[in-house]
């Protein structure tokens, strides 16, 4: 690392059990961020700021005025711009050393498989169950860790999946029964809530990539922002899960 990098990441390098070795692990890591909205915004900003070497940024949408209440990657001047382009502008200004790869398209199962095969970890910040299930399936197949978050109204949740055989996956938590979708468009969401959940997702991603602390594998955090109460639940394997049960 050069002197500028040592200065940029100095507060992080000072952490016990992190040191220069942890920073090097981030520098050589690749992460796919799915969704550049309310959750993906803080995720992408913190991962870029922390020095993750390569970020694949996936979103097919464009910046809309209604996004700006909570999607802090984007600005009023960039309304109508693809979110991938808007995100690259913000992240490049924050940390020009990070390699940014925009993926401005809907993610089919085949494309997801290609992208997940390129990375060390996936962070899911999308807003619909169909994409969450597809991302989970790709991660299970590739044995790539997944950090998942969701937020709606005043409620948020975050967890992580190791991708290892014998551990639970996202579909162990939510069976794919077709009756799940709720969106911020229909139900609303408090702006800082997505920042809280996205920040926890970024923290989990950094922990997994560097070996720092204990990841949320097999545990689900639930936040009620109205009372600021956190609950922690164990997440068991579903022995009948159609995605991961064959790998147990």
Protein backbone atom coordinates (compact mmCIF):
# COMPACT_ATOMS: atom_id res chain seq x y z
CA UNK A 1 0.00 0.00 0.00
CA UNK A 2 1.22 3.51 -0.75
CA UNK A 3 1.21 6.44 1.69
CA UNK A 4 -2.06 7.88 0.37
CA UNK A 5 -3.84 4.54 0.81
CA UNK A 6 -2.45 4.14 4.32
CA UNK A 7 -3.80 7.58 5.19
CA UNK A 8 -7.19 7.03 3.51
CA UNK A 9 -7.83 3.77 5.35
CA UNK A 10 -5.87 4.51 8.52
CA UNK A 11 -8.84 4.51 10.91
CA UNK A 12 -9.91 1.13 9.58
CA UNK A 13 -6.39 -0.35 9.64
CA UNK A 14 -6.13 0.60 13.32
CA UNK A 15 -8.95 -1.79 14.23
CA UNK A 16 -7.94 -4.88 16.23
CA UNK A 17 -7.83 -7.99 14.05
CA UNK A 18 -8.10 -5.87 10.88
CA UNK A 19 -4.72 -4.25 10.23
CA UNK A 20 -3.15 -3.94 6.76
CA UNK A 21 -3.98 -7.59 6.03
CA UNK A 22 -7.70 -6.85 6.31
CA UNK A 23 -7.36 -3.83 4.07
CA UNK A 24 -5.56 -5.92 1.48
CA UNK A 25 -8.36 -8.47 1.57
CA UNK A 26 -10.84 -5.70 0.79
CA UNK A 27 -8.62 -4.31 -1.97
CA UNK A 28 -8.58 -7.65 -3.78
CA UNK A 29 -12.28 -8.42 -3.22
CA UNK A 30 -15.13 -8.24 -5.74
CA UNK A 31 -18.71 -7.59 -4.65
CA UNK A 32 -21.97 -7.58 -6.60
CA UNK A 33 -24.50 -5.03 -5.31
CA UNK A 34 -28.01 -5.84 -6.58
CA UNK A 35 -30.19 -2.74 -6.51
CA UNK A 36 -28.99 0.85 -6.19
CA UNK A 37 -31.97 2.26 -4.32
CA UNK A 38 -32.56 2.87 -0.63
CA UNK A 39 -30.53 -0.11 0.59
CA UNK A 40 -28.00 -0.27 -2.22
CA UNK A 41 -27.09 3.40 -1.77
CA UNK A 42 -25.48 3.12 1.70
CA UNK A 43 -24.13 -0.34 0.84
CA UNK A 44 -22.30 0.93 -2.25
CA UNK A 45 -21.09 4.11 -0.56
CA UNK A 46 -19.64 2.32 2.46
CA UNK A 47 -18.06 -0.50 0.47
CA UNK A 48 -16.41 2.00 -1.87
CA UNK A 49 -15.30 4.17 1.03
CA UNK A 50 -13.90 1.12 2.84
CA UNK A 51 -11.77 0.22 -0.18
CA UNK A 52 -13.42 -2.84 -1.71
CA UNK A 53 -11.43 -3.19 -4.91
CA UNK A 54 -14.14 -4.06 -7.41
CA UNK A 55 -17.87 -3.30 -7.27
CA UNK A 56 -20.38 -4.64 -9.78
CA UNK A 57 -23.41 -2.35 -9.61
CA UNK A 58 -26.66 -3.84 -10.92
CA UNK A 59 -29.87 -1.90 -11.53
CA UNK A 60 -32.02 -1.41 -14.63
CA UNK A 61 -33.92 1.66 -13.41
CA UNK A 62 -33.40 5.41 -13.83
CA UNK A 63 -33.32 8.05 -11.10
CA UNK A 64 -36.77 9.43 -10.32
CA UNK A 65 -37.78 12.38 -8.15
CA UNK A 66 -39.60 10.03 -5.75
CA UNK A 67 -36.32 8.15 -5.14
CA UNK A 68 -34.48 11.11 -3.64
CA UNK A 69 -36.18 10.96 -0.23
CA UNK A 70 -34.08 7.90 0.64
CA UNK A 71 -31.71 6.90 -2.19
CA UNK A 72 -28.68 8.92 -1.17
CA UNK A 73 -26.44 7.84 -4.08
CA UNK A 74 -28.49 10.01 -6.42
CA UNK A 75 -29.16 13.74 -6.83
CA UNK A 76 -31.80 16.03 -8.26
CA UNK A 77 -29.51 16.90 -11.18
CA UNK A 78 -29.34 13.23 -12.17
CA UNK A 79 -33.09 12.60 -12.45
CA UNK A 80 -33.62 10.51 -15.59
CA UNK A 81 -30.07 9.15 -15.52
CA UNK A 82 -29.63 5.37 -15.24
CA UNK A 83 -29.01 4.53 -11.60
CA UNK A 84 -25.86 2.65 -12.53
CA UNK A 85 -24.41 5.78 -14.15
CA UNK A 86 -25.51 7.98 -11.25
CA UNK A 87 -23.96 5.55 -8.77
CA UNK A 88 -20.67 5.48 -10.65
CA UNK A 89 -20.47 9.28 -10.57
CA UNK A 90 -21.01 9.36 -6.81
CA UNK A 91 -18.68 6.48 -5.99
CA UNK A 92 -15.90 7.66 -8.30
CA UNK A 93 -15.96 11.04 -6.57
CA UNK A 94 -15.77 9.31 -3.19
CA UNK A 95 -12.99 6.83 -4.00
CA UNK A 96 -11.46 6.88 -7.49
CA UNK A 97 -9.36 3.79 -6.72
CA UNK A 98 -12.34 1.41 -6.72
CA UNK A 99 -13.09 -0.38 -10.00
CA UNK A 100 -16.76 0.17 -10.85
CA UNK A 101 -18.63 -2.06 -13.28
CA UNK A 102 -22.19 -0.90 -14.11
CA UNK A 103 -24.73 -3.58 -14.97
CA UNK A 104 -27.66 -1.66 -16.41
CA UNK A 105 -30.07 -4.49 -17.21
CA UNK A 106 -32.69 -6.78 -15.73
CA UNK A 107 -30.98 -9.77 -14.21
CA UNK A 108 -32.03 -13.05 -15.76
CA UNK A 109 -31.07 -16.32 -14.09
CA UNK A 110 -28.34 -16.82 -16.68
CA UNK A 111 -26.90 -13.34 -16.25
CA UNK A 112 -26.99 -13.66 -12.48
CA UNK A 113 -25.05 -16.90 -12.69
CA UNK A 114 -22.38 -15.14 -14.78
CA UNK A 115 -22.11 -12.19 -12.39
CA UNK A 116 -22.08 -14.22 -9.19
CA UNK A 117 -19.30 -16.41 -10.60
CA UNK A 118 -17.13 -13.25 -10.85
CA UNK A 119 -17.43 -12.09 -7.24
CA UNK A 120 -16.54 -13.03 -3.68
CA UNK A 121 -19.82 -11.85 -2.16
CA UNK A 122 -23.26 -10.53 -3.13
CA UNK A 123 -25.27 -7.85 -1.33
CA UNK A 124 -28.97 -7.89 -2.19
CA UNK A 125 -30.67 -4.51 -1.89
CA UNK A 126 -33.50 -5.11 -4.36
CA UNK A 127 -37.17 -4.48 -3.59
CA UNK A 128 -38.96 -7.58 -4.89
CA UNK A 129 -39.07 -11.24 -3.97
CA UNK A 130 -38.64 -12.58 -7.49
CA UNK A 131 -35.18 -11.04 -7.74
CA UNK A 132 -34.29 -12.02 -4.17
CA UNK A 133 -35.13 -15.65 -4.89
CA UNK A 134 -33.12 -15.57 -8.14
CA UNK A 135 -30.11 -13.99 -6.42
CA UNK A 136 -30.30 -16.56 -3.63
CA UNK A 137 -30.42 -19.46 -6.08
CA UNK A 138 -27.38 -18.14 -7.94
CA UNK A 139 -25.44 -17.71 -4.70
CA UNK A 140 -26.32 -21.21 -3.45
CA UNK A 141 -25.23 -22.72 -6.77
CA UNK A 142 -21.94 -20.82 -6.76
CA UNK A 143 -21.42 -21.17 -2.99
CA UNK A 144 -20.96 -17.42 -2.71
CA UNK A 145 -21.96 -15.59 0.51
CA UNK A 146 -25.06 -13.40 0.35
CA UNK A 147 -26.00 -10.45 2.57
CA UNK A 148 -29.73 -9.76 2.40
CA UNK A 149 -31.70 -6.77 3.64
CA UNK A 150 -35.23 -5.41 3.40
CA UNK A 151 -37.07 -2.36 4.69
CA UNK A 152 -40.66 -1.17 4.48
CA UNK A 153 -42.74 1.28 6.50
CA UNK A 154 -40.90 1.39 9.87
CA UNK A 155 -39.66 -2.20 9.78
CA UNK A 156 -36.36 -3.60 8.58
CA UNK A 157 -34.47 -6.85 8.56
CA UNK A 158 -31.01 -8.06 7.68
CA UNK A 159 -29.26 -11.43 7.58
CA UNK A 160 -26.39 -13.21 5.86
CA UNK A 161 -26.06 -16.59 4.21
CA UNK A 162 -22.75 -18.40 3.94
CA UNK A 163 -23.49 -20.31 0.74
CA UNK A 164 -21.97 -23.39 2.36
CA UNK A 165 -23.68 -26.79 2.24
CA UNK A 166 -25.65 -27.42 5.42
CA UNK A 167 -26.34 -23.75 6.15
CA UNK A 168 -29.72 -22.04 5.53
CA UNK A 169 -30.44 -19.95 2.44
CA UNK A 170 -32.89 -17.13 1.75
CA UNK A 171 -35.60 -19.53 0.64
CA UNK A 172 -35.39 -21.32 3.99
CA UNK A 173 -36.59 -18.00 5.43
CA UNK A 174 -39.25 -17.23 2.81
CA UNK A 175 -40.90 -20.09 0.91
CA UNK A 176 -41.70 -19.08 -2.64
CA UNK A 177 -45.50 -19.13 -2.42
CA UNK A 178 -46.38 -16.10 -4.55
CA UNK A 179 -48.02 -14.07 -1.76
CA UNK A 180 -45.12 -12.05 -0.43
CA UNK A 181 -44.52 -8.90 -2.39
CA UNK A 182 -44.92 -5.58 -0.62
CA UNK A 183 -43.25 -2.50 -2.02
CA UNK A 184 -42.31 0.94 -0.75
CA UNK A 185 -44.38 2.38 -3.59
CA UNK A 186 -47.55 0.95 -2.07
CA UNK A 187 -46.64 1.03 1.63
CA UNK A 188 -44.08 3.80 2.13
CA UNK A 189 -40.81 3.72 4.04
CA UNK A 190 -39.03 6.02 6.49
CA UNK A 191 -35.94 7.44 4.84
CA UNK A 192 -33.33 6.75 7.56
CA UNK A 193 -34.57 3.18 8.00
CA UNK A 194 -33.03 2.06 4.71
CA UNK A 195 -29.81 3.78 5.74
CA UNK A 196 -29.71 1.81 8.98
CA UNK A 197 -30.36 -1.53 7.29
CA UNK A 198 -28.03 -0.79 4.38
CA UNK A 199 -25.27 0.18 6.79
CA UNK A 200 -25.66 -3.12 8.63
CA UNK A 201 -25.49 -4.93 5.28
CA UNK A 202 -22.25 -3.12 4.42
CA UNK A 203 -20.84 -4.00 7.84
CA UNK A 204 -21.67 -7.67 7.35
CA UNK A 205 -20.10 -7.65 3.89
CA UNK A 206 -16.85 -6.19 5.24
CA UNK A 207 -16.82 -8.69 8.12
CA UNK A 208 -17.27 -11.65 5.77
CA UNK A 209 -14.64 -10.42 3.31
CA UNK A 210 -12.02 -9.77 5.99
CA UNK A 211 -12.84 -12.41 8.61
CA UNK A 212 -13.58 -9.71 11.18
CA UNK A 213 -15.97 -10.62 13.99
CA UNK A 214 -18.88 -13.07 13.64
CA UNK A 215 -21.18 -12.73 10.60
CA UNK A 216 -24.95 -13.04 10.80
CA UNK A 217 -24.94 -16.52 9.28
CA UNK A 218 -28.01 -18.36 10.57
CA UNK A 219 -29.31 -15.29 12.39
CA UNK A 220 -31.96 -12.73 11.42
CA UNK A 221 -32.01 -9.19 12.81
CA UNK A 222 -35.39 -7.42 12.90
CA UNK A 223 -35.74 -3.69 13.56
CA UNK A 224 -38.89 -1.84 14.62
CA UNK A 225 -37.85 1.76 14.02
CA UNK A 226 -41.00 3.09 15.74
CA UNK A 227 -39.60 1.91 19.08
CA UNK A 228 -36.00 1.33 17.93
CA UNK A 229 -36.21 -2.23 19.21
CA UNK A 230 -33.99 -4.92 17.67
CA UNK A 231 -34.84 -8.60 17.80
CA UNK A 232 -32.51 -11.46 16.88
CA UNK A 233 -33.86 -14.80 15.69
CA UNK A 234 -32.18 -18.05 14.80
CA UNK A 235 -32.65 -19.08 11.18
CA UNK A 236 -32.70 -22.88 10.81
CA UNK A 237 -32.26 -24.89 7.64
CA UNK A 238 -35.50 -25.92 5.95
CA UNK A 239 -34.97 -29.65 5.23
CA UNK A 240 -37.47 -29.36 2.36
CA UNK A 241 -36.01 -26.19 0.82
CA UNK A 242 -36.07 -26.63 -2.96
CA UNK A 243 -32.88 -24.58 -3.37
CA UNK A 244 -30.44 -25.80 -0.74
CA UNK A 245 -31.82 -29.07 0.70
CA UNK A 246 -30.12 -31.15 -1.97
CA UNK A 247 -26.76 -29.80 -0.80
CA UNK A 248 -27.20 -30.71 2.88
